[in-house]
Amino acid sequence: MIDKLCKRILGHPEILGRIIKGFIKEAKDVFLEEIIELIKGKKEQEGNSYFQQLNNVIDIA
């Protein structure tokens, strides 16, 4: 149960965005809001989403 809760926390777009911003040097200068939008899959490039929002905890590897 704790594992599932941790996956839900880490899979939340704002938490995941902060992790990406803090640890990936290419994302250092990108606004947090933009990273969150990319995680949610709202911004597309060439018809493909950068990330797909996970709808279920089971989907998180």
PDB file of N, CA and C in Angstrom:
ATOM      1  N   MET A   1       0.815  -1.185   0.000  1.00  0.00           N
ATOM      2  CA  MET A   1       0.000   0.000   0.000  1.00  0.00           C
ATOM      3  C   MET A   1       0.867   1.261   0.000  1.00  0.00           C
ATOM      4  N   ILE A   2       1.940   1.255   0.786  1.00  0.00           N
ATOM      5  CA  ILE A   2       2.834   2.414   0.830  1.00  0.00           C
ATOM      6  C   ILE A   2       3.492   2.621  -0.525  1.00  0.00           C
ATOM      7  N   ASP A   3       3.850   1.520  -1.190  1.00  0.00           N
ATOM      8  CA  ASP A   3       4.465   1.610  -2.517  1.00  0.00           C
ATOM      9  C   ASP A   3       3.524   2.297  -3.507  1.00  0.00           C
ATOM     10  N   LYS A   4       2.245   1.951  -3.482  1.00  0.00           N
ATOM     11  CA  LYS A   4       1.266   2.566  -4.380  1.00  0.00           C
ATOM     12  C   LYS A   4       1.111   4.053  -4.083  1.00  0.00           C
ATOM     13  N   LEU A   5       1.099   4.408  -2.805  1.00  0.00           N
ATOM     14  CA  LEU A   5       0.972   5.813  -2.436  1.00  0.00           C
ATOM     15  C   LEU A   5       2.200   6.610  -2.887  1.00  0.00           C
ATOM     16  N   CYS A   6       3.383   6.033  -2.730  1.00  0.00           N
ATOM     17  CA  CYS A   6       4.604   6.704  -3.192  1.00  0.00           C
ATOM     18  C   CYS A   6       4.578   6.901  -4.704  1.00  0.00           C
ATOM     19  N   LYS A   7       4.102   5.916  -5.439  1.00  0.00           N
ATOM     20  CA  LYS A   7       3.999   6.037  -6.892  1.00  0.00           C
ATOM     21  C   LYS A   7       3.017   7.136  -7.285  1.00  0.00           C
ATOM     22  N   ARG A   8       1.926   7.249  -6.536  1.00  0.00           N
ATOM     23  CA  ARG A   8       0.950   8.311  -6.829  1.00  0.00           C
ATOM     24  C   ARG A   8       1.545   9.684  -6.569  1.00  0.00           C
ATOM     25  N   ILE A   9       2.306   9.805  -5.482  1.00  0.00           N
ATOM     26  CA  ILE A   9       2.939  11.088  -5.165  1.00  0.00           C
ATOM     27  C   ILE A   9       3.964  11.448  -6.219  1.00  0.00           C
ATOM     28  N   LEU A  10       4.846  10.507  -6.554  1.00  0.00           N
ATOM     29  CA  LEU A  10       5.891  10.767  -7.548  1.00  0.00           C
ATOM     30  C   LEU A  10       5.326  10.959  -8.945  1.00  0.00           C
ATOM     31  N   GLY A  11       4.162  10.383  -9.226  1.00  0.00           N
ATOM     32  CA  GLY A  11       3.534  10.520 -10.533  1.00  0.00           C
ATOM     33  C   GLY A  11       2.700  11.780 -10.689  1.00  0.00           C
ATOM     34  N   HIS A  12       2.521  12.529  -9.607  1.00  0.00           N
ATOM     35  CA  HIS A  12       1.758  13.776  -9.685  1.00  0.00           C
ATOM     36  C   HIS A  12       2.536  14.774 -10.549  1.00  0.00           C
ATOM     37  N   PRO A  13       1.875  15.445 -11.497  1.00  0.00           N
ATOM     38  CA  PRO A  13       2.582  16.329 -12.432  1.00  0.00           C
ATOM     39  C   PRO A  13       3.459  17.397 -11.776  1.00  0.00           C
ATOM     40  N   GLU A  14       3.008  17.994 -10.686  1.00  0.00           N
ATOM     41  CA  GLU A  14       3.829  19.050 -10.060  1.00  0.00           C
ATOM     42  C   GLU A  14       5.069  18.470  -9.387  1.00  0.00           C
ATOM     43  N   ILE A  15       4.922  17.354  -8.694  1.00  0.00           N
ATOM     44  CA  ILE A  15       6.061  16.714  -8.033  1.00  0.00           C
ATOM     45  C   ILE A  15       7.050  16.222  -9.083  1.00  0.00           C
ATOM     46  N   LEU A  16       6.544  15.550 -10.108  1.00  0.00           N
ATOM     47  CA  LEU A  16       7.404  15.046 -11.173  1.00  0.00           C
ATOM     48  C   LEU A  16       8.094  16.193 -11.910  1.00  0.00           C
ATOM     49  N   GLY A  17       7.376  17.289 -12.109  1.00  0.00           N
ATOM     50  CA  GLY A  17       7.962  18.470 -12.753  1.00  0.00           C
ATOM     51  C   GLY A  17       9.107  19.050 -11.946  1.00  0.00           C
ATOM     52  N   ARG A  18       8.939  19.107 -10.631  1.00  0.00           N
ATOM     53  CA  ARG A  18      10.009  19.621  -9.769  1.00  0.00           C
ATOM     54  C   ARG A  18      11.227  18.708  -9.781  1.00  0.00           C
ATOM     55  N   ILE A  19      10.997  17.406  -9.825  1.00  0.00           N
ATOM     56  CA  ILE A  19      12.104  16.453  -9.908  1.00  0.00           C
ATOM     57  C   ILE A  19      12.855  16.635 -11.224  1.00  0.00           C
ATOM     58  N   ILE A  20      12.113  16.737 -12.317  1.00  0.00           N
ATOM     59  CA  ILE A  20      12.734  16.931 -13.635  1.00  0.00           C
ATOM     60  C   ILE A  20      13.524  18.226 -13.661  1.00  0.00           C
ATOM     61  N   LYS A  21      12.946  19.299 -13.162  1.00  0.00           N
ATOM     62  CA  LYS A  21      13.608  20.599 -13.155  1.00  0.00           C
ATOM     63  C   LYS A  21      14.873  20.577 -12.294  1.00  0.00           C
ATOM     64  N   GLY A  22      14.850  19.841 -11.214  1.00  0.00           N
ATOM     65  CA  GLY A  22      15.986  19.794 -10.305  1.00  0.00           C
ATOM     66  C   GLY A  22      17.122  18.901 -10.744  1.00  0.00           C
ATOM     67  N   PHE A  23      16.830  17.869 -11.522  1.00  0.00           N
ATOM     68  CA  PHE A  23      17.857  16.878 -11.814  1.00  0.00           C
ATOM     69  C   PHE A  23      18.251  16.753 -13.274  1.00  0.00           C
ATOM     70  N   ILE A  24      17.484  17.324 -14.184  1.00  0.00           N
ATOM     71  CA  ILE A  24      17.823  17.232 -15.608  1.00  0.00           C
ATOM     72  C   ILE A  24      18.319  18.592 -16.067  1.00  0.00           C
ATOM     73  N   LYS A  25      19.594  18.636 -16.469  1.00  0.00           N
ATOM     74  CA  LYS A  25      20.200  19.940 -16.761  1.00  0.00           C
ATOM     75  C   LYS A  25      19.542  20.638 -17.948  1.00  0.00           C
ATOM     76  N   GLU A  26      18.990  19.908 -18.908  1.00  0.00           N
ATOM     77  CA  GLU A  26      18.302  20.532 -20.034  1.00  0.00           C
ATOM     78  C   GLU A  26      17.014  21.231 -19.602  1.00  0.00           C
ATOM     79  N   ALA A  27      16.440  20.816 -18.483  1.00  0.00           N
ATOM     80  CA  ALA A  27      15.185  21.392 -18.010  1.00  0.00           C
ATOM     81  C   ALA A  27      15.407  22.476 -16.956  1.00  0.00           C
ATOM     82  N   LYS A  28      16.662  22.775 -16.645  1.00  0.00           N
ATOM     83  CA  LYS A  28      16.980  23.735 -15.581  1.00  0.00           C
ATOM     84  C   LYS A  28      16.391  25.120 -15.845  1.00  0.00           C
ATOM     85  N   ASP A  29      16.424  25.577 -17.092  1.00  0.00           N
ATOM     86  CA  ASP A  29      15.962  26.920 -17.431  1.00  0.00           C
ATOM     87  C   ASP A  29      14.522  26.957 -17.937  1.00  0.00           C
ATOM     88  N   VAL A  30      13.831  25.846 -17.884  1.00  0.00           N
ATOM     89  CA  VAL A  30      12.438  25.781 -18.341  1.00  0.00           C
ATOM     90  C   VAL A  30      11.527  26.084 -17.147  1.00  0.00           C
ATOM     91  N   PHE A  31      10.478  26.863 -17.381  1.00  0.00           N
ATOM     92  CA  PHE A  31       9.530  27.169 -16.312  1.00  0.00           C
ATOM     93  C   PHE A  31       8.827  25.897 -15.849  1.00  0.00           C
ATOM     94  N   LEU A  32       8.589  25.807 -14.546  1.00  0.00           N
ATOM     95  CA  LEU A  32       7.927  24.649 -13.964  1.00  0.00           C
ATOM     96  C   LEU A  32       6.559  24.411 -14.597  1.00  0.00           C
ATOM     97  N   GLU A  33       5.822  25.490 -14.858  1.00  0.00           N
ATOM     98  CA  GLU A  33       4.493  25.354 -15.452  1.00  0.00           C
ATOM     99  C   GLU A  33       4.557  24.692 -16.829  1.00  0.00           C
ATOM    100  N   GLU A  34       5.605  25.011 -17.592  1.00  0.00           N
ATOM    101  CA  GLU A  34       5.760  24.417 -18.915  1.00  0.00           C
ATOM    102  C   GLU A  34       6.075  22.925 -18.806  1.00  0.00           C
ATOM    103  N   ILE A  35       6.900  22.565 -17.842  1.00  0.00           N
ATOM    104  CA  ILE A  35       7.222  21.151 -17.630  1.00  0.00           C
ATOM    105  C   ILE A  35       5.960  20.389 -17.243  1.00  0.00           C
ATOM    106  N   ILE A  36       5.149  20.979 -16.377  1.00  0.00           N
ATOM    107  CA  ILE A  36       3.902  20.333 -15.953  1.00  0.00           C
ATOM    108  C   ILE A  36       2.976  20.130 -17.146  1.00  0.00           C
ATOM    109  N   GLU A  37       2.881  21.132 -18.028  1.00  0.00           N
ATOM    110  CA  GLU A  37       2.053  21.000 -19.228  1.00  0.00           C
ATOM    111  C   GLU A  37       2.570  19.863 -20.119  1.00  0.00           C
ATOM    112  N   LEU A  38       3.875  19.732 -20.223  1.00  0.00           N
ATOM    113  CA  LEU A  38       4.447  18.647 -21.027  1.00  0.00           C
ATOM    114  C   LEU A  38       4.122  17.291 -20.410  1.00  0.00           C
ATOM    115  N   ILE A  39       4.215  17.209 -19.102  1.00  0.00           N
ATOM    116  CA  ILE A  39       3.901  15.954 -18.417  1.00  0.00           C
ATOM    117  C   ILE A  39       2.441  15.579 -18.632  1.00  0.00           C
ATOM    118  N   LYS A  40       1.573  16.545 -18.580  1.00  0.00           N
ATOM    119  CA  LYS A  40       0.148  16.275 -18.771  1.00  0.00           C
ATOM    120  C   LYS A  40      -0.184  15.934 -20.217  1.00  0.00           C
ATOM    121  N   GLY A  41       0.746  16.138 -21.126  1.00  0.00           N
ATOM    122  CA  GLY A  41       0.516  15.775 -22.514  1.00  0.00           C
ATOM    123  C   GLY A  41      -0.264  16.807 -23.287  1.00  0.00           C
ATOM    124  N   LYS A  42      -0.354  18.052 -22.775  1.00  0.00           N
ATOM    125  CA  LYS A  42      -1.126  19.076 -23.459  1.00  0.00           C
ATOM    126  C   LYS A  42      -0.353  19.712 -24.603  1.00  0.00           C
ATOM    127  N   LYS A  43       0.971  19.722 -24.506  1.00  0.00           N
ATOM    128  CA  LYS A  43       1.762  20.298 -25.580  1.00  0.00           C
ATOM    129  C   LYS A  43       2.269  19.162 -26.458  1.00  0.00           C
ATOM    130  N   GLU A  44       2.194  19.359 -27.735  1.00  0.00           N
ATOM    131  CA  GLU A  44       2.627  18.327 -28.668  1.00  0.00           C
ATOM    132  C   GLU A  44       3.628  18.906 -29.655  1.00  0.00           C
ATOM    133  N   GLN A  45       4.499  18.039 -30.114  1.00  0.00           N
ATOM    134  CA  GLN A  45       5.443  18.415 -31.160  1.00  0.00           C
ATOM    135  C   GLN A  45       5.419  17.285 -32.175  1.00  0.00           C
ATOM    136  N   GLU A  46       5.163  17.626 -33.410  1.00  0.00           N
ATOM    137  CA  GLU A  46       5.080  16.648 -34.495  1.00  0.00           C
ATOM    138  C   GLU A  46       4.010  15.600 -34.218  1.00  0.00           C
ATOM    139  N   GLY A  47       2.938  16.005 -33.552  1.00  0.00           N
ATOM    140  CA  GLY A  47       1.806  15.109 -33.318  1.00  0.00           C
ATOM    141  C   GLY A  47       1.964  14.131 -32.181  1.00  0.00           C
ATOM    142  N   ASN A  48       3.091  14.127 -31.490  1.00  0.00           N
ATOM    143  CA  ASN A  48       3.301  13.194 -30.393  1.00  0.00           C
ATOM    144  C   ASN A  48       3.491  13.943 -29.083  1.00  0.00           C
ATOM    145  N   SER A  49       2.850  13.465 -28.034  1.00  0.00           N
ATOM    146  CA  SER A  49       3.017  14.066 -26.710  1.00  0.00           C
ATOM    147  C   SER A  49       4.383  13.669 -26.155  1.00  0.00           C
ATOM    148  N   TYR A  50       4.998  14.599 -25.454  1.00  0.00           N
ATOM    149  CA  TYR A  50       6.265  14.270 -24.802  1.00  0.00           C
ATOM    150  C   TYR A  50       6.040  13.240 -23.710  1.00  0.00           C
ATOM    151  N   PHE A  51       5.007  13.445 -22.936  1.00  0.00           N
ATOM    152  CA  PHE A  51       4.661  12.543 -21.855  1.00  0.00           C
ATOM    153  C   PHE A  51       3.175  12.248 -21.949  1.00  0.00           C
ATOM    154  N   GLN A  52       2.786  11.147 -21.354  1.00  0.00           N
ATOM    155  CA  GLN A  52       1.367  10.843 -21.261  1.00  0.00           C
ATOM    156  C   GLN A  52       1.031  10.781 -19.783  1.00  0.00           C
ATOM    157  N   GLN A  53      -0.030  11.463 -19.402  1.00  0.00           N
ATOM    158  CA  GLN A  53      -0.434  11.447 -18.004  1.00  0.00           C
ATOM    159  C   GLN A  53      -0.945  10.056 -17.660  1.00  0.00           C
ATOM    160  N   LEU A  54      -0.492   9.547 -16.551  1.00  0.00           N
ATOM    161  CA  LEU A  54      -0.908   8.227 -16.120  1.00  0.00           C
ATOM    162  C   LEU A  54      -2.263   8.338 -15.425  1.00  0.00           C
ATOM    163  N   ASN A  55      -3.207   7.516 -15.851  1.00  0.00           N
ATOM    164  CA  ASN A  55      -4.544   7.568 -15.300  1.00  0.00           C
ATOM    165  C   ASN A  55      -4.716   6.620 -14.123  1.00  0.00           C
ATOM    166  N   ASN A  56      -3.774   5.709 -13.950  1.00  0.00           N
ATOM    167  CA  ASN A  56      -3.941   4.686 -12.939  1.00  0.00           C
ATOM    168  C   ASN A  56      -2.593   4.388 -12.299  1.00  0.00           C
ATOM    169  N   VAL A  57      -2.581   4.125 -11.036  1.00  0.00           N
ATOM    170  CA  VAL A  57      -1.341   3.801 -10.335  1.00  0.00           C
ATOM    171  C   VAL A  57      -0.709   2.544 -10.917  1.00  0.00           C
ATOM    172  N   ILE A  58      -1.520   1.622 -11.402  1.00  0.00           N
ATOM    173  CA  ILE A  58      -1.008   0.370 -11.964  1.00  0.00           C
ATOM    174  C   ILE A  58      -0.135   0.653 -13.188  1.00  0.00           C
ATOM    175  N   ASP A  59      -0.389   1.777 -13.897  1.00  0.00           N
ATOM    176  CA  ASP A  59       0.379   2.106 -15.084  1.00  0.00           C
ATOM    177  C   ASP A  59       1.804   2.549 -14.783  1.00  0.00           C
ATOM    178  N   ILE A  60       2.078   2.898 -13.533  1.00  0.00           N
ATOM    179  CA  ILE A  60       3.420   3.370 -13.165  1.00  0.00           C
ATOM    180  C   ILE A  60       4.304   2.154 -12.940  1.00  0.00           C
ATOM    181  N   ALA A  61       5.394   2.119 -13.704  1.00  0.00           N
ATOM    182  CA  ALA A  61       6.297   0.952 -13.592  1.00  0.00           C
ATOM    183  C   ALA A  61       7.008   0.928 -12.257  1.00  0.00           C
TER     184      ALA A  61
END
